[in-house]
Each structure stands twice: as C-alpha cells, then as structure tokens.
N, C-alpha and C. Protein backbone atom coordinates (compact mmCIF):
# COMPACT_ATOMS: atom_id res chain seq x y z
N MET A 1 0.81 -1.01 -0.05
CA MET A 1 -0.03 -0.44 0.16
C MET A 1 1.03 1.18 0.06
N PHE A 2 1.94 1.05 0.67
CA PHE A 2 2.98 2.59 0.81
C PHE A 2 3.31 2.84 -0.72
N ALA A 3 4.02 1.55 -1.37
CA ALA A 3 4.24 2.22 -2.60
C ALA A 3 3.07 2.57 -3.61
N GLY A 4 1.83 2.24 -3.54
CA GLY A 4 0.58 2.72 -3.88
C GLY A 4 0.36 3.95 -3.91
N ALA A 5 0.73 4.59 -2.40
CA ALA A 5 0.53 5.80 -2.14
C ALA A 5 1.65 6.67 -2.88
N LEU A 6 2.53 5.77 -2.64
CA LEU A 6 3.92 7.07 -3.38
C LEU A 6 3.79 7.05 -4.81
N VAL A 7 3.14 5.76 -5.90
CA VAL A 7 2.89 6.17 -6.81
C VAL A 7 2.17 7.17 -7.12
N GLU A 8 1.19 6.88 -6.45
CA GLU A 8 -0.13 7.94 -6.45
C GLU A 8 0.29 9.69 -6.35
N ALA A 9 1.17 9.77 -5.33
CA ALA A 9 1.49 11.34 -5.33
C ALA A 9 2.79 11.40 -6.18
N LEU A 10 3.46 10.57 -6.74
CA LEU A 10 4.29 10.83 -8.04
C LEU A 10 3.50 11.24 -8.93
N THR A 11 2.84 10.62 -9.29
CA THR A 11 2.26 10.52 -10.68
C THR A 11 1.57 11.96 -11.26
N LYS A 12 1.53 12.84 -9.55
CA LYS A 12 0.90 14.05 -10.02
C LYS A 12 1.99 14.86 -10.67
N GLN A 13 3.12 14.47 -10.93
CA GLN A 13 4.34 15.14 -11.25
C GLN A 13 4.22 14.79 -13.12
N PRO A 14 4.39 16.11 -13.66
CA PRO A 14 4.31 15.22 -14.98
C PRO A 14 5.37 14.27 -15.63
N LYS A 15 6.59 14.33 -14.97
CA LYS A 15 7.91 13.58 -15.40
C LYS A 15 7.26 11.89 -15.15
N PHE A 16 6.27 11.85 -14.23
CA PHE A 16 6.05 10.35 -13.80
C PHE A 16 4.97 9.66 -14.52
N SER A 17 4.67 9.52 -15.58
CA SER A 17 3.50 9.33 -16.44
C SER A 17 3.66 8.09 -16.92
N ASN A 18 5.40 7.17 -17.49
CA ASN A 18 5.30 6.51 -17.85
C ASN A 18 5.58 5.15 -16.98
N LEU A 19 4.65 4.46 -16.32
CA LEU A 19 5.00 3.78 -14.88
C LEU A 19 4.76 2.38 -15.66
N ALA A 20 5.87 1.72 -14.80
CA ALA A 20 5.71 -0.12 -14.73
C ALA A 20 4.62 -0.90 -14.31
N ASP A 21 4.56 -1.76 -14.66
CA ASP A 21 3.17 -2.71 -14.62
C ASP A 21 3.35 -3.02 -12.95
N SER A 22 4.50 -2.90 -12.16
CA SER A 22 4.34 -3.04 -10.81
C SER A 22 4.07 -1.87 -10.19
N ALA A 23 4.08 -0.76 -10.51
CA ALA A 23 3.66 0.82 -10.22
C ALA A 23 2.28 0.93 -9.97
N LEU A 24 1.63 0.29 -11.60
CA LEU A 24 0.43 0.24 -11.54
C LEU A 24 -0.49 -0.60 -10.89
N ALA A 25 0.18 -1.88 -10.59
CA ALA A 25 -0.45 -2.77 -9.28
C ALA A 25 -0.71 -2.15 -8.27
N SER A 26 0.60 -1.45 -7.68
CA SER A 26 0.75 -0.85 -6.59
C SER A 26 -0.30 0.27 -6.26
N ALA A 27 -0.32 1.28 -7.22
CA ALA A 27 -1.54 2.24 -7.21
C ALA A 27 -2.64 1.22 -7.23
N TYR A 28 -3.09 0.84 -8.21
CA TYR A 28 -4.45 -0.31 -7.92
C TYR A 28 -4.66 -0.94 -6.68
N ILE A 29 -3.78 -1.31 -6.26
CA ILE A 29 -4.19 -1.84 -4.53
C ILE A 29 -4.40 -0.82 -3.76
N TYR A 30 -3.40 0.35 -3.67
CA TYR A 30 -3.99 1.38 -2.70
C TYR A 30 -5.46 2.19 -3.19
N SER A 31 -5.72 2.28 -4.42
CA SER A 31 -6.70 2.63 -4.52
C SER A 31 -7.92 2.25 -4.12
N LEU A 32 -8.25 0.49 -4.16
CA LEU A 32 -9.11 -0.08 -3.57
C LEU A 32 -8.95 -0.05 -1.60
N ALA A 33 -7.57 0.20 -1.36
CA ALA A 33 -7.54 0.02 0.08
C ALA A 33 -7.69 1.60 1.00
N LYS A 34 -7.41 2.63 0.12
CA LYS A 34 -7.03 4.05 1.01
C LYS A 34 -8.57 4.57 1.78
N GLY A 35 -9.75 4.07 1.31
CA GLY A 35 -10.64 4.33 1.96
C GLY A 35 -10.77 3.77 3.37
N ASN A 36 -10.36 2.74 3.70
CA ASN A 36 -10.35 1.90 5.18
C ASN A 36 -9.14 1.28 5.16
N MET A 37 -7.36 1.57 5.55
CA MET A 37 -6.53 0.43 4.95
C MET A 37 -6.28 -0.33 6.47
N PHE A 38 -7.15 0.18 7.25
CA PHE A 38 -7.07 -0.92 8.47
C PHE A 38 -8.19 -2.03 8.17
N LYS A 39 -9.13 -1.56 7.53
CA LYS A 39 -10.12 -2.73 7.54
C LYS A 39 -9.84 -3.35 6.50
N TRP A 40 -9.26 -2.93 5.24
CA TRP A 40 -8.58 -3.67 4.00
C TRP A 40 -7.64 -4.85 4.59
N LEU A 41 -6.93 -4.57 5.33
CA LEU A 41 -5.79 -5.11 5.98
C LEU A 41 -6.61 -6.61 6.96
N GLU A 42 -7.56 -6.33 7.11
CA GLU A 42 -8.28 -7.47 8.20
C GLU A 42 -7.67 -8.84 7.93
N ASN A 43 -7.94 -9.57 7.22
CA ASN A 43 -7.17 -10.86 6.76
C ASN A 43 -6.04 -11.05 6.66
N SER A 44 -5.06 -10.15 7.01
CA SER A 44 -3.66 -10.17 6.36
C SER A 44 -2.94 -10.80 7.84
N SER A 45 -2.02 -11.58 7.29
CA SER A 45 -1.15 -12.00 8.64
C SER A 45 -0.38 -11.04 9.37
N HIS A 46 0.02 -10.17 9.08
CA HIS A 46 0.80 -9.40 9.61
C HIS A 46 -0.08 -8.83 10.56
N ARG A 47 -1.10 -8.41 9.76
CA ARG A 47 -2.18 -7.58 11.15
C ARG A 47 -2.69 -8.17 12.35
N ASN A 48 -2.92 -9.67 11.77
CA ASN A 48 -3.61 -10.61 12.89
C ASN A 48 -2.55 -11.39 13.98
N ARG A 49 -1.01 -11.19 13.41
CA ARG A 49 -0.04 -11.40 14.39
C ARG A 49 0.20 -10.08 15.32
N LEU A 50 0.06 -9.00 14.80
CA LEU A 50 -0.07 -7.64 15.60
C LEU A 50 -1.06 -7.66 16.54
N LYS A 51 -2.38 -7.92 15.88
CA LYS A 51 -3.42 -8.17 16.71
C LYS A 51 -3.45 -8.85 18.10
N ARG A 52 -2.78 -10.14 17.64
CA ARG A 52 -2.46 -11.44 18.63
C ARG A 52 -1.20 -10.73 20.06
N LEU A 53 -0.32 -9.75 19.49
CA LEU A 53 0.36 -9.10 20.44
C LEU A 53 -0.40 -7.77 21.04
N ASN A 54 -1.43 -7.53 20.72
CA ASN A 54 -2.29 -6.37 21.44
C ASN A 54 -1.49 -4.97 21.04
N LEU A 55 -1.24 -5.18 19.55
CA LEU A 55 -0.78 -3.91 19.18
C LEU A 55 -1.57 -3.32 17.99
N GLU A 56 -2.56 -3.53 18.23
CA GLU A 56 -3.63 -3.03 17.05
C GLU A 56 -3.56 -1.15 16.92
N LYS A 57 -3.30 -0.74 18.15
CA LYS A 57 -3.34 0.61 18.06
C LYS A 57 -1.81 1.22 17.14
N ASP A 58 -0.97 0.21 16.87
CA ASP A 58 0.29 0.54 16.53
C ASP A 58 0.09 0.64 14.92
N ILE A 59 -0.84 -0.30 14.81
CA ILE A 59 -1.31 -0.78 13.16
C ILE A 59 -1.76 0.48 12.56
N LYS A 60 -2.87 1.19 13.32
CA LYS A 60 -3.85 2.33 13.02
C LYS A 60 -2.71 3.43 12.62
N PHE A 61 -1.78 3.59 13.71
CA PHE A 61 -0.85 4.62 13.77
C PHE A 61 0.06 4.53 12.23
N CYS A 62 0.26 3.61 12.16
CA CYS A 62 1.27 3.18 11.46
C CYS A 62 0.87 3.55 9.89
N LEU A 63 -0.76 3.21 9.52
CA LEU A 63 -1.54 3.27 8.18
C LEU A 63 -1.91 5.00 8.00
N GLN A 64 -1.50 5.75 8.87
CA GLN A 64 -2.34 7.13 8.66
C GLN A 64 -1.01 7.91 7.76
N VAL A 65 -1.86 8.74 6.75
CA VAL A 65 -1.10 9.00 5.61
C VAL A 65 -0.97 10.81 5.79
N SER A 66 0.24 11.12 5.35
CA SER A 66 1.02 12.36 5.79
C SER A 66 0.81 12.85 6.78
N LEU A 67 1.22 12.09 8.09
CA LEU A 67 1.04 12.51 9.43
C LEU A 67 2.34 13.67 9.41
N TYR A 68 3.42 13.38 8.91
CA TYR A 68 4.46 14.54 8.94
C TYR A 68 4.83 14.89 7.77
N ASP A 69 5.66 15.86 7.48
CA ASP A 69 5.81 16.55 6.32
C ASP A 69 7.34 16.94 6.49
N VAL A 70 8.12 16.11 6.81
CA VAL A 70 9.46 15.58 6.59
C VAL A 70 9.97 14.27 6.24
N VAL A 71 11.16 14.09 5.68
CA VAL A 71 11.74 12.72 5.47
C VAL A 71 13.03 12.67 6.30
N PRO A 72 12.92 12.19 6.75
CA PRO A 72 14.41 12.00 7.99
C PRO A 72 15.25 10.86 7.00
N TYR A 73 16.34 10.96 7.48
CA TYR A 73 17.38 9.36 6.74
C TYR A 73 18.33 9.60 8.03
N TYR A 74 19.08 8.46 7.81
CA TYR A 74 20.08 7.69 8.86
C TYR A 74 21.48 8.26 8.48
N ARG A 75 22.05 9.02 9.19
CA ARG A 75 23.92 9.07 8.82
C ARG A 75 24.34 9.23 10.03
N ASP A 76 25.69 8.37 9.96
CA ASP A 76 26.61 8.72 11.03
C ASP A 76 25.84 8.68 12.69
N GLY A 77 24.79 7.93 12.74
CA GLY A 77 24.34 7.44 14.06
C GLY A 77 23.16 8.04 14.37
N SER A 78 22.84 8.87 13.54
CA SER A 78 21.55 10.19 13.77
C SER A 78 20.58 10.26 12.47
N LEU A 79 19.65 10.51 13.13
CA LEU A 79 18.40 11.07 12.13
C LEU A 79 18.40 12.59 11.56
N ILE A 80 18.15 12.53 10.18
CA ILE A 80 18.65 13.84 9.79
C ILE A 80 17.32 14.23 8.78
N ASN A 81 17.02 15.57 8.99
CA ASN A 81 15.91 15.85 8.09
C ASN A 81 16.54 16.42 6.83
N LYS A 82 15.75 15.54 6.04
CA LYS A 82 16.15 15.65 4.75
C LYS A 82 15.38 16.78 3.91
N GLY A 83 14.22 16.70 4.18
CA GLY A 83 13.06 17.82 3.45
C GLY A 83 11.83 17.55 3.81
N SER A 84 11.19 18.25 2.84
CA SER A 84 9.56 18.23 3.03
C SER A 84 9.53 16.95 2.01
N LEU A 85 8.17 16.49 2.67
CA LEU A 85 7.53 15.42 2.04
C LEU A 85 6.55 15.66 0.90
N VAL A 86 6.60 15.07 0.16
CA VAL A 86 5.43 15.40 -0.94
C VAL A 86 4.34 14.64 -0.58
N SER A 87 3.26 15.31 -0.57
CA SER A 87 1.95 14.65 0.04
C SER A 87 1.09 13.98 -0.58
N LEU A 88 0.87 12.84 0.28
CA LEU A 88 0.22 11.44 -0.24
C LEU A 88 -1.35 11.94 -0.50
N GLU A 89 -1.85 12.92 -0.11
CA GLU A 89 -3.46 13.16 0.18
C GLU A 89 -3.76 14.19 -1.35
C-alpha cells in the first residue's frame, strides 16, 4: 500500500507518466484500500499477528497518511531531516 500511495503522489508530477506494471498494480491496490486501510488489511497475516500481540493501536498509527511533512534519513548514528515530503493526499 505504501508503494501505491507513493505512486499516486508521484504521478501528480508530469515527469512520472510512464509507469511500470508493478507501479500500476501498487497504485491499484492502494486505490482499493485507501478508504479504510485498517479494514482492508483485516485478514492479512501481519495484522493478525500484531493483533495477537495487542498492537492494533500501532497498526492504526502506521496506516496514517501524511502525518509528518519531513523525510528523515540516517547518517552517522543520527536521524537527519532531509526536507519536505511530497503530500500523499
């Protein structure tokens, strides 16, 4: 779903018009799921495993889109702010 969200955001830019089949498939899956990603993952093995570990709040947090507007990266033992994130909404 992340790949699909990223494809959706990038295709708003004119230079990303010729997409590979994998990008199109990711975007399609995201378009199906984005209305309620938590529900869409209802039968996934990872969601069920995390549910058994009592981590459903973590799942919901991780499924939020455009929560932060920065892109961090890791360098020399520290997280560095690389700049603004392309909005996925």
